[in-house]
Amino acid sequence: MKEQFRKFLVSKKLFAPFVRNMRWAHDMNFDRYMALIMFPANYLSDAFEWKKTKQGQDFWKAVDKDWDVVVEEERKKHGKQSV
């Protein structure tokens, strides 16, 4: 799911903004951050405080909802334990 998340961000042209916000919040690169997060549903929600970004709370909340759809589809395909 980690590579799928990267592709998700790239497809929405959000990889660079995500990485900038994450670096500002945690001072780490994408791969280091992804190594720390266990649950795919939390990849975006745990990255940084959405309201403190240029894009804002509502923007990242909408992106997170889109990501939740992807996670749920994977759970249905592979069973809840595999995602």
N, C-alpha and C. Protein backbone atom coordinates (compact mmCIF):
# COMPACT_ATOMS: atom_id res chain seq x y z
N MET A 1 0.82 -1.21 0.00
CA MET A 1 0.00 0.00 0.00
C MET A 1 0.86 1.27 0.00
N LYS A 2 2.08 1.19 0.47
CA LYS A 2 2.91 2.38 0.53
C LYS A 2 3.22 2.92 -0.87
N GLU A 3 3.55 2.03 -1.78
CA GLU A 3 3.81 2.47 -3.16
C GLU A 3 2.51 2.96 -3.81
N GLN A 4 1.42 2.33 -3.48
CA GLN A 4 0.13 2.76 -4.00
C GLN A 4 -0.21 4.17 -3.51
N PHE A 5 0.15 4.47 -2.27
CA PHE A 5 -0.09 5.81 -1.74
C PHE A 5 0.75 6.84 -2.51
N ARG A 6 2.00 6.49 -2.78
CA ARG A 6 2.86 7.39 -3.55
C ARG A 6 2.23 7.66 -4.93
N LYS A 7 1.77 6.60 -5.57
CA LYS A 7 1.15 6.75 -6.90
C LYS A 7 -0.13 7.56 -6.82
N PHE A 8 -0.90 7.37 -5.76
CA PHE A 8 -2.11 8.15 -5.53
C PHE A 8 -1.79 9.64 -5.47
N LEU A 9 -0.79 9.99 -4.68
CA LEU A 9 -0.40 11.40 -4.56
C LEU A 9 0.10 11.96 -5.90
N VAL A 10 0.91 11.18 -6.58
CA VAL A 10 1.44 11.63 -7.88
C VAL A 10 0.30 11.83 -8.87
N SER A 11 -0.65 10.91 -8.90
CA SER A 11 -1.76 11.01 -9.85
C SER A 11 -2.61 12.25 -9.62
N LYS A 12 -2.64 12.73 -8.39
CA LYS A 12 -3.41 13.93 -8.05
C LYS A 12 -2.54 15.18 -8.04
N LYS A 13 -1.26 15.00 -8.45
CA LYS A 13 -0.30 16.11 -8.44
C LYS A 13 -0.12 16.69 -7.04
N LEU A 14 -0.11 15.79 -6.07
CA LEU A 14 0.00 16.21 -4.67
C LEU A 14 1.24 15.67 -3.96
N PHE A 15 2.09 14.96 -4.69
CA PHE A 15 3.26 14.40 -4.03
C PHE A 15 4.16 15.52 -3.46
N ALA A 16 4.48 16.50 -4.27
CA ALA A 16 5.36 17.59 -3.81
C ALA A 16 4.73 18.38 -2.65
N PRO A 17 3.46 18.79 -2.73
CA PRO A 17 2.88 19.49 -1.59
C PRO A 17 2.84 18.62 -0.32
N PHE A 18 2.54 17.33 -0.50
CA PHE A 18 2.52 16.43 0.65
C PHE A 18 3.89 16.38 1.30
N VAL A 19 4.93 16.19 0.50
CA VAL A 19 6.29 16.09 1.04
C VAL A 19 6.72 17.39 1.70
N ARG A 20 6.40 18.53 1.09
CA ARG A 20 6.75 19.82 1.70
C ARG A 20 6.09 19.98 3.07
N ASN A 21 4.81 19.67 3.14
CA ASN A 21 4.09 19.79 4.42
C ASN A 21 4.63 18.82 5.46
N MET A 22 4.94 17.62 5.03
CA MET A 22 5.46 16.61 5.95
C MET A 22 6.84 17.00 6.47
N ARG A 23 7.69 17.50 5.57
CA ARG A 23 9.03 17.94 6.00
C ARG A 23 8.94 19.08 6.98
N TRP A 24 8.02 20.01 6.73
CA TRP A 24 7.82 21.13 7.64
C TRP A 24 7.38 20.63 9.02
N ALA A 25 6.49 19.65 9.03
CA ALA A 25 5.93 19.16 10.30
C ALA A 25 6.88 18.22 11.04
N HIS A 26 7.61 17.38 10.30
CA HIS A 26 8.39 16.32 10.96
C HIS A 26 9.87 16.32 10.60
N ASP A 27 10.27 17.15 9.65
CA ASP A 27 11.66 17.20 9.21
C ASP A 27 12.19 15.82 8.82
N MET A 28 11.41 15.13 7.97
CA MET A 28 11.85 13.83 7.45
C MET A 28 11.37 13.66 6.02
N ASN A 29 12.03 12.76 5.30
CA ASN A 29 11.63 12.54 3.92
C ASN A 29 10.47 11.54 3.84
N PHE A 30 9.94 11.39 2.65
CA PHE A 30 8.77 10.56 2.42
C PHE A 30 9.01 9.10 2.85
N ASP A 31 10.13 8.53 2.42
CA ASP A 31 10.40 7.12 2.73
C ASP A 31 10.54 6.87 4.23
N ARG A 32 11.18 7.77 4.91
CA ARG A 32 11.32 7.62 6.39
C ARG A 32 9.95 7.69 7.05
N TYR A 33 9.15 8.66 6.65
CA TYR A 33 7.80 8.78 7.21
C TYR A 33 6.99 7.52 6.96
N MET A 34 7.02 7.04 5.72
CA MET A 34 6.23 5.86 5.37
C MET A 34 6.68 4.63 6.14
N ALA A 35 7.94 4.55 6.48
CA ALA A 35 8.44 3.41 7.26
C ALA A 35 7.88 3.42 8.68
N LEU A 36 7.47 4.57 9.16
CA LEU A 36 6.97 4.69 10.53
C LEU A 36 5.47 4.44 10.67
N ILE A 37 4.72 4.62 9.59
CA ILE A 37 3.26 4.54 9.66
C ILE A 37 2.80 3.14 9.29
N MET A 38 2.06 2.51 10.20
CA MET A 38 1.64 1.12 9.99
C MET A 38 0.38 0.98 9.15
N PHE A 39 -0.59 1.80 9.38
CA PHE A 39 -1.91 1.61 8.80
C PHE A 39 -2.15 2.52 7.60
N PRO A 40 -2.45 1.96 6.45
CA PRO A 40 -2.67 2.76 5.25
C PRO A 40 -3.71 3.87 5.41
N ALA A 41 -4.73 3.62 6.18
CA ALA A 41 -5.76 4.65 6.36
C ALA A 41 -5.20 5.89 7.06
N ASN A 42 -4.05 5.75 7.72
CA ASN A 42 -3.46 6.88 8.45
C ASN A 42 -2.34 7.58 7.69
N TYR A 43 -2.00 7.12 6.50
CA TYR A 43 -0.88 7.71 5.77
C TYR A 43 -1.02 9.21 5.63
N LEU A 44 -2.18 9.67 5.31
CA LEU A 44 -2.40 11.10 5.12
C LEU A 44 -2.78 11.80 6.41
N SER A 45 -3.65 11.19 7.17
CA SER A 45 -4.16 11.85 8.38
C SER A 45 -3.09 12.07 9.45
N ASP A 46 -2.05 11.24 9.47
CA ASP A 46 -0.99 11.39 10.47
C ASP A 46 0.21 12.20 9.98
N ALA A 47 0.19 12.64 8.75
CA ALA A 47 1.38 13.26 8.16
C ALA A 47 1.68 14.66 8.71
N PHE A 48 0.64 15.46 8.90
CA PHE A 48 0.82 16.84 9.35
C PHE A 48 -0.54 17.40 9.72
N GLU A 49 -0.52 18.54 10.41
CA GLU A 49 -1.78 19.20 10.76
C GLU A 49 -2.30 19.94 9.52
N TRP A 50 -3.38 19.45 8.99
CA TRP A 50 -3.92 19.98 7.75
C TRP A 50 -4.21 21.47 7.84
N LYS A 51 -4.73 21.92 8.95
CA LYS A 51 -5.14 23.32 9.07
C LYS A 51 -3.95 24.29 9.05
N LYS A 52 -2.75 23.77 9.27
CA LYS A 52 -1.57 24.62 9.29
C LYS A 52 -0.86 24.67 7.92
N THR A 53 -1.49 24.12 6.90
CA THR A 53 -0.88 24.10 5.57
C THR A 53 -1.48 25.18 4.68
N LYS A 54 -0.78 25.47 3.62
CA LYS A 54 -1.27 26.43 2.62
C LYS A 54 -2.59 25.97 2.02
N GLN A 55 -2.73 24.64 1.83
CA GLN A 55 -3.93 24.09 1.20
C GLN A 55 -5.13 24.10 2.16
N GLY A 56 -4.89 23.95 3.42
CA GLY A 56 -5.95 24.03 4.42
C GLY A 56 -6.62 22.71 4.77
N GLN A 57 -7.37 22.77 5.84
CA GLN A 57 -8.06 21.61 6.42
C GLN A 57 -9.03 20.94 5.45
N ASP A 58 -9.88 21.73 4.83
CA ASP A 58 -10.91 21.16 3.94
C ASP A 58 -10.29 20.47 2.73
N PHE A 59 -9.24 21.05 2.19
CA PHE A 59 -8.57 20.45 1.04
C PHE A 59 -8.04 19.06 1.39
N TRP A 60 -7.26 18.95 2.46
CA TRP A 60 -6.65 17.67 2.82
C TRP A 60 -7.70 16.67 3.30
N LYS A 61 -8.76 17.16 3.90
CA LYS A 61 -9.84 16.26 4.31
C LYS A 61 -10.47 15.60 3.08
N ALA A 62 -10.67 16.36 2.02
CA ALA A 62 -11.23 15.81 0.78
C ALA A 62 -10.27 14.79 0.16
N VAL A 63 -8.97 15.09 0.17
CA VAL A 63 -7.98 14.15 -0.36
C VAL A 63 -7.98 12.88 0.48
N ASP A 64 -8.07 13.04 1.79
CA ASP A 64 -8.09 11.88 2.69
C ASP A 64 -9.31 10.99 2.42
N LYS A 65 -10.44 11.61 2.12
CA LYS A 65 -11.64 10.82 1.79
C LYS A 65 -11.41 10.00 0.52
N ASP A 66 -10.76 10.62 -0.46
CA ASP A 66 -10.42 9.89 -1.70
C ASP A 66 -9.49 8.72 -1.39
N TRP A 67 -8.50 8.95 -0.53
CA TRP A 67 -7.57 7.89 -0.15
C TRP A 67 -8.30 6.78 0.60
N ASP A 68 -9.24 7.13 1.46
CA ASP A 68 -10.02 6.13 2.19
C ASP A 68 -10.77 5.20 1.24
N VAL A 69 -11.24 5.73 0.12
CA VAL A 69 -11.92 4.91 -0.89
C VAL A 69 -10.94 3.86 -1.44
N VAL A 70 -9.72 4.28 -1.73
CA VAL A 70 -8.70 3.36 -2.24
C VAL A 70 -8.40 2.28 -1.21
N VAL A 71 -8.23 2.67 0.03
CA VAL A 71 -7.93 1.71 1.11
C VAL A 71 -9.06 0.71 1.25
N GLU A 72 -10.28 1.19 1.23
CA GLU A 72 -11.44 0.29 1.37
C GLU A 72 -11.54 -0.68 0.20
N GLU A 73 -11.27 -0.21 -0.99
CA GLU A 73 -11.28 -1.11 -2.15
C GLU A 73 -10.24 -2.21 -2.00
N GLU A 74 -9.08 -1.87 -1.50
CA GLU A 74 -8.02 -2.86 -1.27
C GLU A 74 -8.44 -3.86 -0.19
N ARG A 75 -9.07 -3.38 0.85
CA ARG A 75 -9.55 -4.27 1.91
C ARG A 75 -10.55 -5.28 1.37
N LYS A 76 -11.43 -4.81 0.53
CA LYS A 76 -12.44 -5.69 -0.05
C LYS A 76 -11.81 -6.72 -0.96
N LYS A 77 -10.79 -6.32 -1.71
CA LYS A 77 -10.10 -7.23 -2.64
C LYS A 77 -9.28 -8.29 -1.90
N HIS A 78 -8.60 -7.87 -0.86
CA HIS A 78 -7.61 -8.74 -0.22
C HIS A 78 -7.95 -9.16 1.21
N GLY A 79 -9.04 -8.73 1.71
CA GLY A 79 -9.38 -9.04 3.10
C GLY A 79 -8.81 -7.98 4.03
N LYS A 80 -9.48 -7.74 5.12
CA LYS A 80 -9.11 -6.66 6.03
C LYS A 80 -7.72 -6.81 6.62
N GLN A 81 -7.22 -7.99 6.78
CA GLN A 81 -5.92 -8.18 7.41
C GLN A 81 -4.75 -7.81 6.51
N SER A 82 -4.96 -7.75 5.21
CA SER A 82 -3.83 -7.56 4.31
C SER A 82 -3.52 -6.10 4.02
N VAL A 83 -4.34 -5.17 4.45
CA VAL A 83 -4.10 -3.77 4.12
C VAL A 83 -3.75 -3.00 5.36
